[in-house]
Amino acid sequence: MTFLDTNVCLDLIANREPWHSDARRLVAYHIQWSVPLGFSVVSIPVLAYLIGRFHRDVNAERVLADLTSFISILDVTRSMAERAIAMGWADIEDALQHECAVGNQSNCIITRNKADFVLSTIPVLTAEEWLKEFAG
């Protein structure tokens, strides 16, 4: 399972360049080769808020429905939340994303902000780095 951070999902659904192209290629590769992709349920309200606030030309309900048709929504448990709170990271939301990724056996986290995951216990890559390493 490849885990997508909220910012990569937003790049994908809001067509934010220059990152959209790499996010789209990464997702296309996963779909083509049937490699599971997931993102945290926590990302849904964050994405809806950001779309409504900064991308008003995008229909949040439609793009989120589209997104969830090919990317799995991963649950967050109470124990994941408790671990995230106790981790001492600067941003609890990032810690929660990490715990969701780890708890759902993700092999890596794809994000645009690698510095947010400097304490990650699994590899953290940008979409561009992932594409160079795995998609040639």
Protein backbone atom coordinates (compact mmCIF):
# COMPACT_ATOMS: atom_id res chain seq x y z
CA MET A 1 0.00 0.00 0.00
CA THR A 2 1.24 3.46 -0.90
CA PHE A 3 -0.07 6.17 1.40
CA LEU A 4 -0.90 9.63 0.03
CA ASP A 5 -0.63 12.65 2.29
CA THR A 6 -3.39 15.25 2.06
CA ASN A 7 -1.29 17.68 0.04
CA VAL A 8 -0.74 15.12 -2.74
CA CYS A 9 -4.47 14.41 -2.88
CA LEU A 10 -5.13 18.15 -3.14
CA ASP A 11 -2.55 18.50 -5.92
CA LEU A 12 -4.34 15.74 -7.77
CA ILE A 13 -7.93 16.91 -7.43
CA ALA A 14 -7.34 20.67 -7.66
CA ASN A 15 -4.90 20.39 -10.58
CA ARG A 16 -2.24 22.28 -8.65
CA GLU A 17 0.83 22.67 -10.79
CA PRO A 18 3.63 21.92 -10.95
CA TRP A 19 2.74 18.97 -8.67
CA HIS A 20 -0.42 17.71 -10.38
CA SER A 21 1.43 15.98 -13.20
CA ASP A 22 3.56 13.84 -10.87
CA ALA A 23 0.57 13.03 -8.63
CA ARG A 24 -1.47 12.00 -11.69
CA ARG A 25 1.36 9.83 -13.04
CA LEU A 26 1.87 8.17 -9.66
CA VAL A 27 -1.83 7.33 -9.36
CA ALA A 28 -2.00 6.13 -12.98
CA TYR A 29 0.94 3.78 -12.35
CA HIS A 30 -0.74 2.32 -9.26
CA ILE A 31 -4.00 1.80 -11.12
CA GLN A 32 -2.28 0.26 -14.15
CA TRP A 33 -0.30 -2.22 -12.05
CA SER A 34 -3.02 -2.79 -9.42
CA VAL A 35 -0.84 -1.46 -6.61
CA PRO A 36 -3.03 -0.36 -3.67
CA LEU A 37 -3.20 3.34 -2.83
CA GLY A 38 -4.74 4.82 0.28
CA PHE A 39 -5.27 8.03 2.18
CA SER A 40 -6.54 8.77 5.65
CA VAL A 41 -10.18 9.39 6.43
CA VAL A 42 -8.82 12.44 8.27
CA SER A 43 -7.93 13.97 4.89
CA ILE A 44 -11.55 14.15 3.71
CA PRO A 45 -12.71 17.13 5.82
CA VAL A 46 -9.35 18.85 5.32
CA LEU A 47 -9.64 18.46 1.54
CA ALA A 48 -13.26 19.63 1.55
CA TYR A 49 -12.28 22.72 3.54
CA LEU A 50 -9.28 23.57 1.36
CA ILE A 51 -11.24 23.08 -1.85
CA GLY A 52 -14.06 25.30 -0.60
CA ARG A 53 -11.65 27.96 0.63
CA PHE A 54 -9.05 28.10 -2.14
CA HIS A 55 -10.41 26.20 -5.15
CA ARG A 56 -14.01 27.35 -5.44
CA ASP A 57 -14.15 26.33 -9.09
CA VAL A 58 -13.81 22.68 -7.99
CA ASN A 59 -16.86 20.71 -6.89
CA ALA A 60 -15.63 19.11 -3.65
CA GLU A 61 -18.26 16.39 -3.48
CA ARG A 62 -17.65 15.30 -7.07
CA VAL A 63 -13.85 15.23 -6.88
CA LEU A 64 -13.84 13.48 -3.51
CA ALA A 65 -16.25 10.86 -4.84
CA ASP A 66 -13.99 10.43 -7.88
CA LEU A 67 -10.90 10.21 -5.70
CA THR A 68 -12.38 7.54 -3.47
CA SER A 69 -13.35 5.46 -6.49
CA PHE A 70 -9.68 4.55 -7.06
CA ILE A 71 -7.93 5.36 -3.77
CA SER A 72 -8.88 3.56 -0.57
CA ILE A 73 -10.04 5.54 2.44
CA LEU A 74 -8.08 4.26 5.43
CA ASP A 75 -9.62 4.30 8.89
CA VAL A 76 -7.96 5.83 11.91
CA THR A 77 -8.40 4.04 15.21
CA ARG A 78 -8.38 5.38 18.72
CA SER A 79 -5.00 3.74 19.37
CA MET A 80 -3.55 5.41 16.27
CA ALA A 81 -4.81 8.76 17.52
CA GLU A 82 -3.41 8.15 21.00
CA ARG A 83 0.00 7.23 19.56
CA ALA A 84 -0.04 10.31 17.32
CA ILE A 85 -0.83 12.59 20.26
CA ALA A 86 1.98 11.05 22.32
CA MET A 87 4.59 11.22 19.54
CA GLY A 88 5.58 14.81 20.22
CA TRP A 89 5.60 15.86 16.57
CA ALA A 90 5.21 19.57 15.81
CA ASP A 91 1.95 18.85 13.95
CA ILE A 92 -0.41 16.25 15.40
CA GLU A 93 -2.22 15.95 12.05
CA ASP A 94 1.03 14.82 10.41
CA ALA A 95 1.62 12.37 13.25
CA LEU A 96 -1.91 11.04 12.75
CA GLN A 97 -1.29 10.65 9.01
CA HIS A 98 1.88 8.72 9.83
CA GLU A 99 0.13 6.45 12.30
CA CYS A 100 -2.64 5.80 9.77
CA ALA A 101 -0.05 4.87 7.15
CA VAL A 102 1.87 2.59 9.51
CA GLY A 103 -1.28 1.06 10.98
CA ASN A 104 -2.53 0.19 7.51
CA GLN A 105 0.76 -1.48 6.52
CA SER A 106 1.78 1.21 4.03
CA ASN A 107 5.24 0.79 2.60
CA CYS A 108 5.79 4.53 2.19
CA ILE A 109 4.22 7.97 2.52
CA ILE A 110 3.99 10.24 -0.50
CA THR A 111 4.00 13.92 0.42
CA ARG A 112 5.22 17.26 -0.83
CA ASN A 113 6.42 18.22 2.64
CA LYS A 114 8.98 15.60 3.63
CA ALA A 115 10.15 17.76 6.54
CA ASP A 116 6.76 17.15 8.19
CA PHE A 117 7.63 13.44 8.40
CA VAL A 118 11.28 13.62 9.41
CA LEU A 119 10.60 11.22 12.32
CA SER A 120 8.72 8.69 10.17
CA THR A 121 9.40 5.02 10.71
CA ILE A 122 8.63 4.24 7.04
CA PRO A 123 10.11 5.82 3.90
CA VAL A 124 8.79 9.25 2.92
CA LEU A 125 9.03 10.34 -0.71
CA THR A 126 7.71 13.03 -2.98
CA ALA A 127 5.66 11.87 -5.95
CA GLU A 128 8.58 12.84 -8.19
CA GLU A 129 11.03 10.75 -6.14
CA TRP A 130 8.67 7.77 -6.12
CA LEU A 131 8.26 7.94 -9.90
CA LYS A 132 12.03 8.11 -10.46
CA GLU A 133 12.67 5.17 -8.14
CA PHE A 134 9.82 2.82 -9.06
CA ALA A 135 8.37 3.85 -12.42
CA GLY A 136 11.63 4.53 -14.20
